[in-house]
Amino acid sequence: MARNDSEGGLVLAPWRVYAPQRDTELLTQALDREYVPGGAAVLDLGTGTGALALAAARRGAHVTAVDRTRRAVLTTRLNARLARLPVEVLHGDLFVPVVGRRFDLVVSNPPYVPTPGAVPSRHRAAVAWDAGADGRLLLDRICRRAHTSLRPGGVLLLVHSTLCGIAPTLAMLERSGLDARVTDRCLVPFGPVLRSRGAWLRERGLVDADEEKEELVIIRAERTR
């Protein structure tokens, strides 16, 4: 299935690979505001279709994209080839494939939806959005490790829902030595996943009884030392 990416181009988005949505668009807008000189080293964690990786490559950056599912890796490689853009695409778990490397910019749109029950296996579509009971299964790992992959002056751009909590993200990034703040907020209607677990979310106090929208945020964290 082909989907428009956040810049109006088409990317292939097969089943079980997260297709570009409002969070992708919001993160791309944040990327547009960053100074990304030609040759800058950019890392896209959890690349999915590669939409963000392609956006950075169009700006002349040297882009590395990582995903833990082979289907996403193959999809990103194909989308980069179709767009005729050079993107290094690696299979692996978050920062593991790039240990020891440093980047000027790291972008990530990880799974962040609070999840009742067990986290799905990597062979199910829900692996692209389900992230444990608090939605922070991957978020916390990214926050703890991001500083190790940033050059001095490097920036992390991270998108997630306020259902996961903003304060834990900012606190964890600050503890690791990054200067972190919220730069963007956006309300979006509940999609099918959140609507299907509305009763569970209300029981946990994560949404009000009449709430039908979730707030997405962009976190910008800079390594100042």
N, C-alpha and C. Protein backbone atom coordinates (compact mmCIF):
# COMPACT_ATOMS: atom_id res chain seq x y z
N MET A 1 0.85 -1.20 0.00
CA MET A 1 0.00 0.00 0.00
C MET A 1 0.89 1.24 0.00
N ALA A 2 0.56 2.21 -0.84
CA ALA A 2 1.31 3.46 -0.91
C ALA A 2 0.60 4.52 -0.08
N ARG A 3 1.40 5.30 0.63
CA ARG A 3 0.85 6.38 1.45
C ARG A 3 1.66 7.64 1.20
N ASN A 4 1.02 8.81 1.32
CA ASN A 4 1.75 10.06 1.25
C ASN A 4 2.59 10.22 2.50
N ASP A 5 3.85 10.62 2.32
CA ASP A 5 4.65 10.95 3.49
C ASP A 5 4.36 12.39 3.87
N SER A 6 5.06 12.90 4.88
CA SER A 6 4.76 14.23 5.40
C SER A 6 5.18 15.36 4.47
N GLU A 7 5.89 15.02 3.38
CA GLU A 7 6.30 16.05 2.44
C GLU A 7 5.60 15.90 1.09
N GLY A 8 4.55 15.10 1.07
CA GLY A 8 3.77 14.98 -0.15
C GLY A 8 4.22 13.90 -1.10
N GLY A 9 5.34 13.22 -0.79
CA GLY A 9 5.79 12.12 -1.63
C GLY A 9 5.10 10.83 -1.25
N LEU A 10 5.23 9.84 -2.09
CA LEU A 10 4.63 8.54 -1.84
C LEU A 10 5.67 7.59 -1.26
N VAL A 11 5.27 6.85 -0.23
CA VAL A 11 6.11 5.78 0.30
C VAL A 11 5.28 4.52 0.36
N LEU A 12 5.92 3.39 0.17
CA LEU A 12 5.24 2.12 0.33
C LEU A 12 5.08 1.84 1.82
N ALA A 13 3.88 1.43 2.21
CA ALA A 13 3.59 1.15 3.62
C ALA A 13 2.83 -0.17 3.71
N PRO A 14 3.55 -1.28 3.61
CA PRO A 14 2.87 -2.58 3.65
C PRO A 14 2.32 -2.89 5.04
N TRP A 15 1.47 -3.87 5.09
CA TRP A 15 0.88 -4.31 6.36
C TRP A 15 1.99 -4.63 7.35
N ARG A 16 1.77 -4.27 8.62
CA ARG A 16 2.68 -4.46 9.74
C ARG A 16 3.85 -3.47 9.75
N VAL A 17 3.84 -2.47 8.86
CA VAL A 17 4.82 -1.39 8.91
C VAL A 17 4.06 -0.09 9.15
N TYR A 18 4.49 0.67 10.15
CA TYR A 18 3.77 1.88 10.55
C TYR A 18 3.78 2.91 9.43
N ALA A 19 2.60 3.28 8.96
CA ALA A 19 2.47 4.25 7.88
C ALA A 19 2.56 5.68 8.41
N PRO A 20 3.07 6.64 7.63
CA PRO A 20 3.15 8.03 8.07
C PRO A 20 1.79 8.56 8.50
N GLN A 21 1.75 9.17 9.68
CA GLN A 21 0.53 9.74 10.22
C GLN A 21 0.84 11.13 10.79
N ARG A 22 -0.07 11.65 11.62
CA ARG A 22 0.09 13.01 12.13
C ARG A 22 1.35 13.16 12.96
N ASP A 23 1.73 12.12 13.71
CA ASP A 23 2.96 12.22 14.50
C ASP A 23 4.19 12.32 13.60
N THR A 24 4.16 11.59 12.48
CA THR A 24 5.26 11.69 11.51
C THR A 24 5.35 13.10 10.94
N GLU A 25 4.20 13.67 10.61
CA GLU A 25 4.16 15.03 10.07
C GLU A 25 4.68 16.04 11.09
N LEU A 26 4.27 15.89 12.34
CA LEU A 26 4.70 16.82 13.38
C LEU A 26 6.22 16.75 13.58
N LEU A 27 6.76 15.54 13.55
CA LEU A 27 8.20 15.38 13.73
C LEU A 27 8.97 15.91 12.52
N THR A 28 8.42 15.75 11.34
CA THR A 28 9.07 16.30 10.15
C THR A 28 9.10 17.82 10.19
N GLN A 29 8.03 18.44 10.69
CA GLN A 29 8.01 19.89 10.84
C GLN A 29 9.09 20.36 11.81
N ALA A 30 9.28 19.60 12.89
CA ALA A 30 10.35 19.93 13.84
C ALA A 30 11.72 19.76 13.18
N LEU A 31 11.87 18.72 12.39
CA LEU A 31 13.12 18.51 11.65
C LEU A 31 13.40 19.69 10.72
N ASP A 32 12.35 20.22 10.09
CA ASP A 32 12.53 21.34 9.17
C ASP A 32 13.12 22.57 9.85
N ARG A 33 12.86 22.71 11.15
CA ARG A 33 13.35 23.89 11.87
C ARG A 33 14.81 23.75 12.29
N GLU A 34 15.32 22.54 12.28
CA GLU A 34 16.68 22.32 12.71
C GLU A 34 17.67 22.68 11.60
N TYR A 35 18.84 23.14 12.01
CA TYR A 35 19.91 23.38 11.05
C TYR A 35 20.56 22.04 10.74
N VAL A 36 20.34 21.57 9.52
CA VAL A 36 20.90 20.28 9.10
C VAL A 36 21.77 20.54 7.88
N PRO A 37 23.05 20.84 8.09
CA PRO A 37 23.92 21.14 6.95
C PRO A 37 24.18 19.90 6.11
N GLY A 38 24.57 20.11 4.88
CA GLY A 38 24.92 18.98 4.04
C GLY A 38 26.01 18.16 4.68
N GLY A 39 25.81 16.85 4.71
CA GLY A 39 26.80 15.97 5.32
C GLY A 39 26.60 15.71 6.79
N ALA A 40 25.61 16.36 7.41
CA ALA A 40 25.33 16.10 8.82
C ALA A 40 24.93 14.64 9.00
N ALA A 41 25.32 14.06 10.14
CA ALA A 41 24.99 12.67 10.43
C ALA A 41 23.67 12.61 11.18
N VAL A 42 22.68 11.92 10.60
CA VAL A 42 21.34 11.84 11.17
C VAL A 42 20.98 10.38 11.40
N LEU A 43 20.39 10.10 12.56
CA LEU A 43 19.93 8.76 12.91
C LEU A 43 18.42 8.78 13.08
N ASP A 44 17.73 7.86 12.40
CA ASP A 44 16.28 7.69 12.54
C ASP A 44 16.03 6.36 13.24
N LEU A 45 15.57 6.44 14.49
CA LEU A 45 15.32 5.23 15.29
C LEU A 45 13.87 4.78 15.13
N GLY A 46 13.67 3.52 14.80
CA GLY A 46 12.33 3.01 14.56
C GLY A 46 11.77 3.60 13.28
N THR A 47 12.48 3.40 12.19
CA THR A 47 12.22 4.15 10.96
C THR A 47 10.90 3.81 10.29
N GLY A 48 10.35 2.61 10.48
CA GLY A 48 9.09 2.25 9.83
C GLY A 48 9.22 2.24 8.32
N THR A 49 8.49 3.12 7.64
CA THR A 49 8.57 3.21 6.18
C THR A 49 9.79 4.00 5.72
N GLY A 50 10.47 4.67 6.66
CA GLY A 50 11.61 5.50 6.28
C GLY A 50 11.24 6.92 5.94
N ALA A 51 10.02 7.36 6.23
CA ALA A 51 9.58 8.71 5.85
C ALA A 51 10.48 9.79 6.44
N LEU A 52 10.82 9.66 7.71
CA LEU A 52 11.68 10.67 8.35
C LEU A 52 13.11 10.59 7.81
N ALA A 53 13.58 9.38 7.58
CA ALA A 53 14.93 9.21 7.03
C ALA A 53 15.02 9.87 5.65
N LEU A 54 13.99 9.69 4.85
CA LEU A 54 13.98 10.31 3.52
C LEU A 54 13.94 11.83 3.61
N ALA A 55 13.17 12.35 4.58
CA ALA A 55 13.09 13.80 4.76
C ALA A 55 14.47 14.38 5.08
N ALA A 56 15.22 13.69 5.94
CA ALA A 56 16.57 14.16 6.29
C ALA A 56 17.52 14.01 5.11
N ALA A 57 17.39 12.92 4.35
CA ALA A 57 18.28 12.70 3.21
C ALA A 57 18.06 13.76 2.13
N ARG A 58 16.82 14.21 1.99
CA ARG A 58 16.54 15.26 1.00
C ARG A 58 17.25 16.56 1.34
N ARG A 59 17.61 16.73 2.61
CA ARG A 59 18.34 17.93 3.03
C ARG A 59 19.85 17.76 2.92
N GLY A 60 20.28 16.66 2.35
CA GLY A 60 21.71 16.43 2.14
C GLY A 60 22.42 15.77 3.29
N ALA A 61 21.67 15.30 4.29
CA ALA A 61 22.30 14.64 5.44
C ALA A 61 22.73 13.23 5.08
N HIS A 62 23.71 12.72 5.83
CA HIS A 62 24.09 11.31 5.77
C HIS A 62 23.21 10.58 6.79
N VAL A 63 22.27 9.79 6.31
CA VAL A 63 21.22 9.25 7.17
C VAL A 63 21.42 7.76 7.41
N THR A 64 21.28 7.38 8.68
CA THR A 64 21.23 5.98 9.08
C THR A 64 19.86 5.73 9.70
N ALA A 65 19.17 4.71 9.23
CA ALA A 65 17.85 4.36 9.73
C ALA A 65 17.91 2.97 10.36
N VAL A 66 17.27 2.83 11.53
CA VAL A 66 17.30 1.56 12.27
C VAL A 66 15.88 1.13 12.59
N ASP A 67 15.61 -0.16 12.45
CA ASP A 67 14.34 -0.70 12.90
C ASP A 67 14.55 -2.13 13.38
N ARG A 68 13.73 -2.55 14.33
CA ARG A 68 13.89 -3.89 14.90
C ARG A 68 13.11 -4.96 14.14
N THR A 69 12.29 -4.55 13.15
CA THR A 69 11.58 -5.53 12.34
C THR A 69 12.18 -5.55 10.93
N ARG A 70 12.37 -6.74 10.42
CA ARG A 70 12.97 -6.88 9.09
C ARG A 70 12.05 -6.33 8.00
N ARG A 71 10.75 -6.43 8.22
CA ARG A 71 9.82 -5.91 7.23
C ARG A 71 10.00 -4.40 7.06
N ALA A 72 10.18 -3.67 8.18
CA ALA A 72 10.40 -2.23 8.10
C ALA A 72 11.74 -1.92 7.44
N VAL A 73 12.76 -2.69 7.76
CA VAL A 73 14.07 -2.48 7.14
C VAL A 73 13.98 -2.63 5.62
N LEU A 74 13.33 -3.68 5.16
CA LEU A 74 13.19 -3.90 3.72
C LEU A 74 12.35 -2.80 3.08
N THR A 75 11.30 -2.36 3.79
CA THR A 75 10.44 -1.29 3.26
C THR A 75 11.22 0.00 3.11
N THR A 76 12.01 0.36 4.12
CA THR A 76 12.78 1.60 4.05
C THR A 76 13.83 1.54 2.94
N ARG A 77 14.48 0.40 2.81
CA ARG A 77 15.45 0.27 1.73
C ARG A 77 14.79 0.45 0.37
N LEU A 78 13.61 -0.12 0.19
CA LEU A 78 12.91 0.01 -1.08
C LEU A 78 12.45 1.45 -1.30
N ASN A 79 11.91 2.10 -0.27
CA ASN A 79 11.47 3.48 -0.42
C ASN A 79 12.64 4.41 -0.72
N ALA A 80 13.79 4.17 -0.11
CA ALA A 80 14.97 5.00 -0.40
C ALA A 80 15.42 4.79 -1.84
N ARG A 81 15.36 3.54 -2.30
CA ARG A 81 15.74 3.28 -3.69
C ARG A 81 14.78 3.95 -4.66
N LEU A 82 13.48 3.86 -4.38
CA LEU A 82 12.49 4.48 -5.25
C LEU A 82 12.65 6.00 -5.29
N ALA A 83 13.03 6.58 -4.14
CA ALA A 83 13.23 8.04 -4.06
C ALA A 83 14.61 8.46 -4.55
N ARG A 84 15.46 7.46 -4.84
CA ARG A 84 16.84 7.71 -5.28
C ARG A 84 17.60 8.55 -4.25
N LEU A 85 17.45 8.15 -3.00
CA LEU A 85 18.14 8.83 -1.91
C LEU A 85 19.02 7.83 -1.16
N PRO A 86 20.23 8.25 -0.79
CA PRO A 86 21.13 7.34 -0.07
C PRO A 86 20.78 7.28 1.42
N VAL A 87 20.36 6.13 1.89
CA VAL A 87 20.06 5.92 3.30
C VAL A 87 20.64 4.58 3.72
N GLU A 88 21.43 4.59 4.77
CA GLU A 88 21.94 3.35 5.35
C GLU A 88 20.85 2.79 6.27
N VAL A 89 20.40 1.58 6.01
CA VAL A 89 19.31 1.00 6.78
C VAL A 89 19.82 -0.26 7.49
N LEU A 90 19.66 -0.27 8.82
CA LEU A 90 20.20 -1.34 9.65
C LEU A 90 19.09 -2.03 10.44
N HIS A 91 19.21 -3.32 10.58
CA HIS A 91 18.27 -4.09 11.39
C HIS A 91 18.83 -4.25 12.80
N GLY A 92 18.03 -3.92 13.81
CA GLY A 92 18.49 -4.10 15.18
C GLY A 92 17.63 -3.34 16.17
N ASP A 93 17.99 -3.47 17.42
CA ASP A 93 17.22 -2.92 18.52
C ASP A 93 17.74 -1.55 18.92
N LEU A 94 17.02 -0.50 18.55
CA LEU A 94 17.35 0.88 18.90
C LEU A 94 18.81 1.20 18.61
N PHE A 95 19.61 1.55 19.63
CA PHE A 95 20.97 2.03 19.40
C PHE A 95 21.99 0.92 19.17
N VAL A 96 21.59 -0.33 19.33
CA VAL A 96 22.55 -1.43 19.26
C VAL A 96 23.32 -1.46 17.94
N PRO A 97 22.69 -1.28 16.78
CA PRO A 97 23.45 -1.35 15.53
C PRO A 97 24.43 -0.20 15.32
N VAL A 98 24.31 0.87 16.12
CA VAL A 98 25.19 2.04 15.91
C VAL A 98 26.02 2.35 17.16
N VAL A 99 26.26 1.37 17.99
CA VAL A 99 27.07 1.57 19.20
C VAL A 99 28.43 2.13 18.80
N GLY A 100 28.84 3.18 19.50
CA GLY A 100 30.14 3.80 19.23
C GLY A 100 30.10 4.91 18.19
N ARG A 101 28.99 5.07 17.52
CA ARG A 101 28.87 6.13 16.53
C ARG A 101 28.17 7.34 17.15
N ARG A 102 28.47 8.54 16.61
CA ARG A 102 27.88 9.77 17.11
C ARG A 102 27.19 10.50 15.97
N PHE A 103 26.07 11.17 16.31
CA PHE A 103 25.25 11.82 15.30
C PHE A 103 24.98 13.28 15.67
N ASP A 104 24.74 14.09 14.63
CA ASP A 104 24.36 15.49 14.85
C ASP A 104 22.89 15.62 15.21
N LEU A 105 22.08 14.67 14.72
CA LEU A 105 20.64 14.72 14.97
C LEU A 105 20.11 13.29 15.06
N VAL A 106 19.31 13.04 16.08
CA VAL A 106 18.61 11.77 16.23
C VAL A 106 17.12 12.07 16.25
N VAL A 107 16.35 11.39 15.40
CA VAL A 107 14.89 11.55 15.39
C VAL A 107 14.25 10.20 15.68
N SER A 108 13.14 10.23 16.40
CA SER A 108 12.47 8.97 16.70
C SER A 108 10.97 9.16 16.92
N ASN A 109 10.21 8.28 16.30
CA ASN A 109 8.77 8.18 16.50
C ASN A 109 8.51 6.74 16.96
N PRO A 110 8.79 6.45 18.24
CA PRO A 110 8.72 5.07 18.71
C PRO A 110 7.29 4.67 19.05
N PRO A 111 7.02 3.38 19.24
CA PRO A 111 5.73 2.96 19.80
C PRO A 111 5.53 3.63 21.16
N TYR A 112 4.31 4.16 21.40
CA TYR A 112 4.08 4.87 22.67
C TYR A 112 2.65 4.73 23.19
N VAL A 113 1.86 3.84 22.63
CA VAL A 113 0.47 3.69 23.06
C VAL A 113 0.40 2.77 24.28
N PRO A 114 -0.19 3.23 25.40
CA PRO A 114 -0.38 2.35 26.56
C PRO A 114 -1.16 1.11 26.17
N THR A 115 -0.71 -0.03 26.71
CA THR A 115 -1.17 -1.31 26.21
C THR A 115 -1.64 -2.24 27.32
N PRO A 116 -2.90 -2.64 27.33
CA PRO A 116 -3.33 -3.66 28.29
C PRO A 116 -2.82 -5.03 27.85
N GLY A 117 -2.41 -5.84 28.78
CA GLY A 117 -1.96 -7.18 28.42
C GLY A 117 -0.52 -7.18 27.94
N ALA A 118 -0.13 -8.28 27.34
CA ALA A 118 1.25 -8.48 26.92
C ALA A 118 1.59 -7.63 25.70
N VAL A 119 2.86 -7.23 25.62
CA VAL A 119 3.34 -6.52 24.45
C VAL A 119 3.37 -7.50 23.28
N PRO A 120 2.88 -7.09 22.11
CA PRO A 120 2.82 -8.02 20.98
C PRO A 120 4.19 -8.42 20.47
N SER A 121 4.24 -9.57 19.83
CA SER A 121 5.50 -10.02 19.22
C SER A 121 5.82 -9.14 18.03
N ARG A 122 7.05 -9.24 17.56
CA ARG A 122 7.47 -8.42 16.43
C ARG A 122 6.80 -8.83 15.13
N HIS A 123 6.07 -9.92 15.14
CA HIS A 123 5.42 -10.40 13.93
C HIS A 123 3.98 -9.92 13.82
N ARG A 124 3.54 -9.06 14.75
CA ARG A 124 2.19 -8.51 14.70
C ARG A 124 2.24 -7.02 14.40
N ALA A 125 1.20 -6.52 13.74
CA ALA A 125 1.17 -5.11 13.36
C ALA A 125 1.25 -4.20 14.57
N ALA A 126 0.67 -4.62 15.71
CA ALA A 126 0.60 -3.77 16.90
C ALA A 126 1.97 -3.45 17.49
N VAL A 127 3.01 -4.15 17.07
CA VAL A 127 4.34 -3.86 17.58
C VAL A 127 4.76 -2.43 17.21
N ALA A 128 4.10 -1.86 16.19
CA ALA A 128 4.44 -0.50 15.74
C ALA A 128 3.88 0.57 16.64
N TRP A 129 2.93 0.21 17.56
CA TRP A 129 2.37 1.25 18.43
C TRP A 129 2.24 0.82 19.89
N ASP A 130 2.02 -0.43 20.19
CA ASP A 130 1.86 -0.86 21.58
C ASP A 130 3.19 -0.80 22.33
N ALA A 131 3.16 -0.26 23.56
CA ALA A 131 4.42 -0.02 24.27
C ALA A 131 4.29 -0.21 25.78
N GLY A 132 3.61 -1.27 26.20
CA GLY A 132 3.52 -1.57 27.62
C GLY A 132 2.42 -0.78 28.32
N ALA A 133 2.19 -1.12 29.59
CA ALA A 133 1.06 -0.55 30.33
C ALA A 133 1.14 0.97 30.46
N ASP A 134 2.35 1.53 30.49
CA ASP A 134 2.49 2.98 30.60
C ASP A 134 2.92 3.64 29.29
N GLY A 135 3.09 2.84 28.24
CA GLY A 135 3.48 3.39 26.94
C GLY A 135 4.94 3.77 26.84
N ARG A 136 5.75 3.40 27.83
CA ARG A 136 7.12 3.89 27.89
C ARG A 136 8.16 2.80 27.67
N LEU A 137 7.75 1.68 27.13
CA LEU A 137 8.65 0.54 26.99
C LEU A 137 9.91 0.90 26.21
N LEU A 138 9.76 1.61 25.11
CA LEU A 138 10.92 2.04 24.32
C LEU A 138 11.33 3.47 24.65
N LEU A 139 10.36 4.30 25.04
CA LEU A 139 10.67 5.70 25.35
C LEU A 139 11.76 5.83 26.41
N ASP A 140 11.63 5.07 27.49
CA ASP A 140 12.61 5.17 28.57
C ASP A 140 13.99 4.75 28.10
N ARG A 141 14.05 3.72 27.28
CA ARG A 141 15.35 3.26 26.77
C ARG A 141 16.00 4.32 25.89
N ILE A 142 15.19 4.97 25.06
CA ILE A 142 15.72 6.04 24.20
C ILE A 142 16.23 7.19 25.05
N CYS A 143 15.45 7.58 26.06
CA CYS A 143 15.84 8.71 26.91
C CYS A 143 17.13 8.42 27.67
N ARG A 144 17.32 7.19 28.10
CA ARG A 144 18.54 6.84 28.85
C ARG A 144 19.78 6.79 27.97
N ARG A 145 19.61 6.46 26.68
CA ARG A 145 20.77 6.21 25.84
C ARG A 145 21.05 7.29 24.80
N ALA A 146 20.12 8.20 24.58
CA ALA A 146 20.28 9.15 23.48
C ALA A 146 21.58 9.94 23.57
N HIS A 147 21.97 10.35 24.78
CA HIS A 147 23.17 11.20 24.92
C HIS A 147 24.42 10.50 24.44
N THR A 148 24.43 9.15 24.50
CA THR A 148 25.63 8.41 24.09
C THR A 148 25.82 8.42 22.58
N SER A 149 24.76 8.75 21.84
CA SER A 149 24.84 8.75 20.38
C SER A 149 24.83 10.15 19.79
N LEU A 150 24.87 11.18 20.64
CA LEU A 150 24.88 12.56 20.16
C LEU A 150 26.26 13.19 20.29
N ARG A 151 26.65 13.91 19.27
CA ARG A 151 27.86 14.71 19.35
C ARG A 151 27.57 15.95 20.20
N PRO A 152 28.59 16.61 20.75
CA PRO A 152 28.34 17.88 21.44
C PRO A 152 27.60 18.85 20.52
N GLY A 153 26.51 19.41 21.02
CA GLY A 153 25.66 20.27 20.19
C GLY A 153 24.62 19.50 19.42
N GLY A 154 24.65 18.17 19.51
CA GLY A 154 23.69 17.35 18.80
C GLY A 154 22.31 17.42 19.44
N VAL A 155 21.29 17.08 18.67
CA VAL A 155 19.90 17.24 19.10
C VAL A 155 19.12 15.94 18.90
N LEU A 156 18.30 15.62 19.90
CA LEU A 156 17.30 14.55 19.79
C LEU A 156 15.93 15.18 19.59
N LEU A 157 15.19 14.71 18.59
CA LEU A 157 13.79 15.08 18.38
C LEU A 157 12.95 13.83 18.57
N LEU A 158 12.02 13.89 19.52
CA LEU A 158 11.25 12.72 19.92
C LEU A 158 9.78 13.09 19.97
N VAL A 159 8.91 12.25 19.42
CA VAL A 159 7.47 12.49 19.46
C VAL A 159 6.80 11.38 20.26
N HIS A 160 5.82 11.78 21.09
CA HIS A 160 4.99 10.78 21.76
C HIS A 160 3.72 11.43 22.31
N SER A 161 2.84 10.61 22.82
CA SER A 161 1.56 11.08 23.35
C SER A 161 1.72 11.51 24.80
N THR A 162 0.90 12.47 25.22
CA THR A 162 0.92 12.86 26.63
C THR A 162 0.35 11.76 27.52
N LEU A 163 -0.29 10.76 26.94
CA LEU A 163 -0.76 9.62 27.72
C LEU A 163 0.41 8.90 28.40
N CYS A 164 1.59 9.05 27.84
CA CYS A 164 2.79 8.43 28.42
C CYS A 164 3.41 9.27 29.53
N GLY A 165 3.01 10.53 29.61
CA GLY A 165 3.59 11.45 30.58
C GLY A 165 4.76 12.21 30.00
N ILE A 166 4.69 13.53 30.09
CA ILE A 166 5.78 14.38 29.59
C ILE A 166 6.89 14.49 30.63
N ALA A 167 6.52 14.65 31.89
CA ALA A 167 7.51 14.88 32.95
C ALA A 167 8.56 13.78 33.02
N PRO A 168 8.20 12.49 32.94
CA PRO A 168 9.24 11.45 32.99
C PRO A 168 10.24 11.55 31.84
N THR A 169 9.76 11.92 30.66
CA THR A 169 10.65 12.07 29.51
C THR A 169 11.65 13.19 29.75
N LEU A 170 11.15 14.36 30.15
CA LEU A 170 12.03 15.50 30.38
C LEU A 170 13.02 15.21 31.50
N ALA A 171 12.55 14.61 32.58
CA ALA A 171 13.43 14.34 33.73
C ALA A 171 14.53 13.37 33.36
N MET A 172 14.20 12.33 32.62
CA MET A 172 15.20 11.33 32.25
C MET A 172 16.25 11.91 31.31
N LEU A 173 15.81 12.72 30.37
CA LEU A 173 16.75 13.36 29.44
C LEU A 173 17.65 14.34 30.17
N GLU A 174 17.08 15.11 31.09
CA GLU A 174 17.88 16.06 31.86
C GLU A 174 18.92 15.34 32.71
N ARG A 175 18.53 14.21 33.32
CA ARG A 175 19.48 13.46 34.14
C ARG A 175 20.66 12.93 33.33
N SER A 176 20.41 12.68 32.04
CA SER A 176 21.49 12.17 31.20
C SER A 176 22.37 13.30 30.66
N GLY A 177 22.06 14.55 31.01
CA GLY A 177 22.91 15.67 30.61
C GLY A 177 22.41 16.43 29.40
N LEU A 178 21.17 16.20 28.99
CA LEU A 178 20.62 16.90 27.84
C LEU A 178 19.71 18.04 28.30
N ASP A 179 19.69 19.10 27.54
CA ASP A 179 18.79 20.24 27.80
C ASP A 179 17.51 19.98 27.03
N ALA A 180 16.42 19.60 27.75
CA ALA A 180 15.21 19.12 27.10
C ALA A 180 14.02 20.03 27.35
N ARG A 181 13.16 20.16 26.33
CA ARG A 181 11.94 20.96 26.48
C ARG A 181 10.93 20.51 25.44
N VAL A 182 9.67 20.86 25.69
CA VAL A 182 8.59 20.61 24.73
C VAL A 182 8.55 21.77 23.75
N THR A 183 8.57 21.46 22.47
CA THR A 183 8.55 22.51 21.45
C THR A 183 7.24 22.58 20.68
N ASP A 184 6.50 21.48 20.63
CA ASP A 184 5.27 21.43 19.83
C ASP A 184 4.22 20.60 20.55
N ARG A 185 2.97 20.99 20.36
CA ARG A 185 1.83 20.23 20.88
C ARG A 185 0.77 20.19 19.79
N CYS A 186 0.05 19.08 19.73
CA CYS A 186 -0.98 18.94 18.71
C CYS A 186 -2.04 17.97 19.19
N LEU A 187 -3.32 18.35 19.10
CA LEU A 187 -4.43 17.48 19.44
C LEU A 187 -4.89 16.73 18.19
N VAL A 188 -5.04 15.41 18.33
CA VAL A 188 -5.51 14.59 17.21
C VAL A 188 -6.65 13.69 17.70
N PRO A 189 -7.63 13.43 16.86
CA PRO A 189 -8.73 12.55 17.27
C PRO A 189 -8.22 11.14 17.57
N PHE A 190 -8.87 10.48 18.52
CA PHE A 190 -8.55 9.09 18.79
C PHE A 190 -8.69 8.28 17.50
N GLY A 191 -7.71 7.42 17.26
CA GLY A 191 -7.81 6.48 16.16
C GLY A 191 -8.47 5.19 16.63
N PRO A 192 -8.53 4.20 15.76
CA PRO A 192 -9.19 2.94 16.12
C PRO A 192 -8.59 2.26 17.35
N VAL A 193 -7.27 2.34 17.52
CA VAL A 193 -6.63 1.65 18.65
C VAL A 193 -7.07 2.25 19.98
N LEU A 194 -6.99 3.58 20.11
CA LEU A 194 -7.38 4.21 21.37
C LEU A 194 -8.88 4.09 21.62
N ARG A 195 -9.67 4.17 20.56
CA ARG A 195 -11.11 4.01 20.75
C ARG A 195 -11.44 2.62 21.27
N SER A 196 -10.70 1.62 20.78
CA SER A 196 -11.00 0.24 21.18
C SER A 196 -10.65 -0.04 22.63
N ARG A 197 -9.74 0.75 23.20
CA ARG A 197 -9.36 0.53 24.61
C ARG A 197 -9.74 1.72 25.50
N GLY A 198 -10.78 2.43 25.08
CA GLY A 198 -11.22 3.61 25.83
C GLY A 198 -11.60 3.29 27.26
N ALA A 199 -12.34 2.19 27.48
CA ALA A 199 -12.75 1.83 28.84
C ALA A 199 -11.54 1.58 29.73
N TRP A 200 -10.57 0.88 29.21
CA TRP A 200 -9.34 0.59 29.97
C TRP A 200 -8.59 1.89 30.29
N LEU A 201 -8.49 2.80 29.33
CA LEU A 201 -7.80 4.08 29.56
C LEU A 201 -8.52 4.90 30.62
N ARG A 202 -9.87 4.87 30.60
CA ARG A 202 -10.63 5.61 31.61
C ARG A 202 -10.45 4.98 32.99
N GLU A 203 -10.43 3.68 33.06
CA GLU A 203 -10.21 2.99 34.34
C GLU A 203 -8.88 3.38 34.97
N ARG A 204 -7.89 3.58 34.15
CA ARG A 204 -6.55 3.95 34.64
C ARG A 204 -6.41 5.45 34.86
N GLY A 205 -7.45 6.22 34.53
CA GLY A 205 -7.40 7.66 34.73
C GLY A 205 -6.57 8.40 33.69
N LEU A 206 -6.32 7.76 32.55
CA LEU A 206 -5.50 8.38 31.52
C LEU A 206 -6.31 9.31 30.62
N VAL A 207 -7.62 9.06 30.52
CA VAL A 207 -8.49 9.94 29.74
C VAL A 207 -9.78 10.18 30.52
N ASP A 208 -10.43 11.30 30.23
CA ASP A 208 -11.73 11.59 30.83
C ASP A 208 -12.83 10.83 30.10
N ALA A 209 -13.99 10.77 30.72
CA ALA A 209 -15.10 10.00 30.17
C ALA A 209 -15.51 10.47 28.77
N ASP A 210 -15.44 11.79 28.54
CA ASP A 210 -15.90 12.32 27.26
C ASP A 210 -14.73 12.71 26.33
N GLU A 211 -13.53 12.27 26.68
CA GLU A 211 -12.36 12.66 25.89
C GLU A 211 -12.30 11.86 24.61
N GLU A 212 -12.04 12.56 23.49
CA GLU A 212 -11.98 11.91 22.19
C GLU A 212 -10.74 12.29 21.41
N LYS A 213 -9.82 13.02 22.06
CA LYS A 213 -8.59 13.42 21.39
C LYS A 213 -7.40 13.16 22.31
N GLU A 214 -6.25 12.88 21.69
CA GLU A 214 -5.01 12.77 22.45
C GLU A 214 -4.08 13.89 22.02
N GLU A 215 -3.20 14.28 22.92
CA GLU A 215 -2.23 15.32 22.62
C GLU A 215 -0.88 14.69 22.32
N LEU A 216 -0.32 15.08 21.18
CA LEU A 216 1.03 14.67 20.82
C LEU A 216 2.00 15.81 21.13
N VAL A 217 3.20 15.45 21.54
CA VAL A 217 4.22 16.46 21.83
C VAL A 217 5.52 16.11 21.13
N ILE A 218 6.26 17.16 20.79
CA ILE A 218 7.64 17.01 20.33
C ILE A 218 8.55 17.43 21.47
N ILE A 219 9.47 16.55 21.82
CA ILE A 219 10.51 16.87 22.80
C ILE A 219 11.81 17.13 22.05
N ARG A 220 12.42 18.27 22.32
CA ARG A 220 13.73 18.59 21.75
C ARG A 220 14.76 18.57 22.87
N ALA A 221 15.78 17.76 22.72
CA ALA A 221 16.82 17.64 23.74
C ALA A 221 18.18 17.82 23.10
N GLU A 222 18.96 18.76 23.64
CA GLU A 222 20.26 19.10 23.06
C GLU A 222 21.39 18.72 24.00
N ARG A 223 22.42 18.12 23.44
CA ARG A 223 23.61 17.82 24.23
C ARG A 223 24.49 19.06 24.24
N THR A 224 24.50 19.74 25.36
CA THR A 224 25.21 21.02 25.44
C THR A 224 26.65 20.86 25.91
N ARG A 225 27.01 19.65 26.30
CA ARG A 225 28.39 19.43 26.76
C ARG A 225 28.85 18.03 26.39
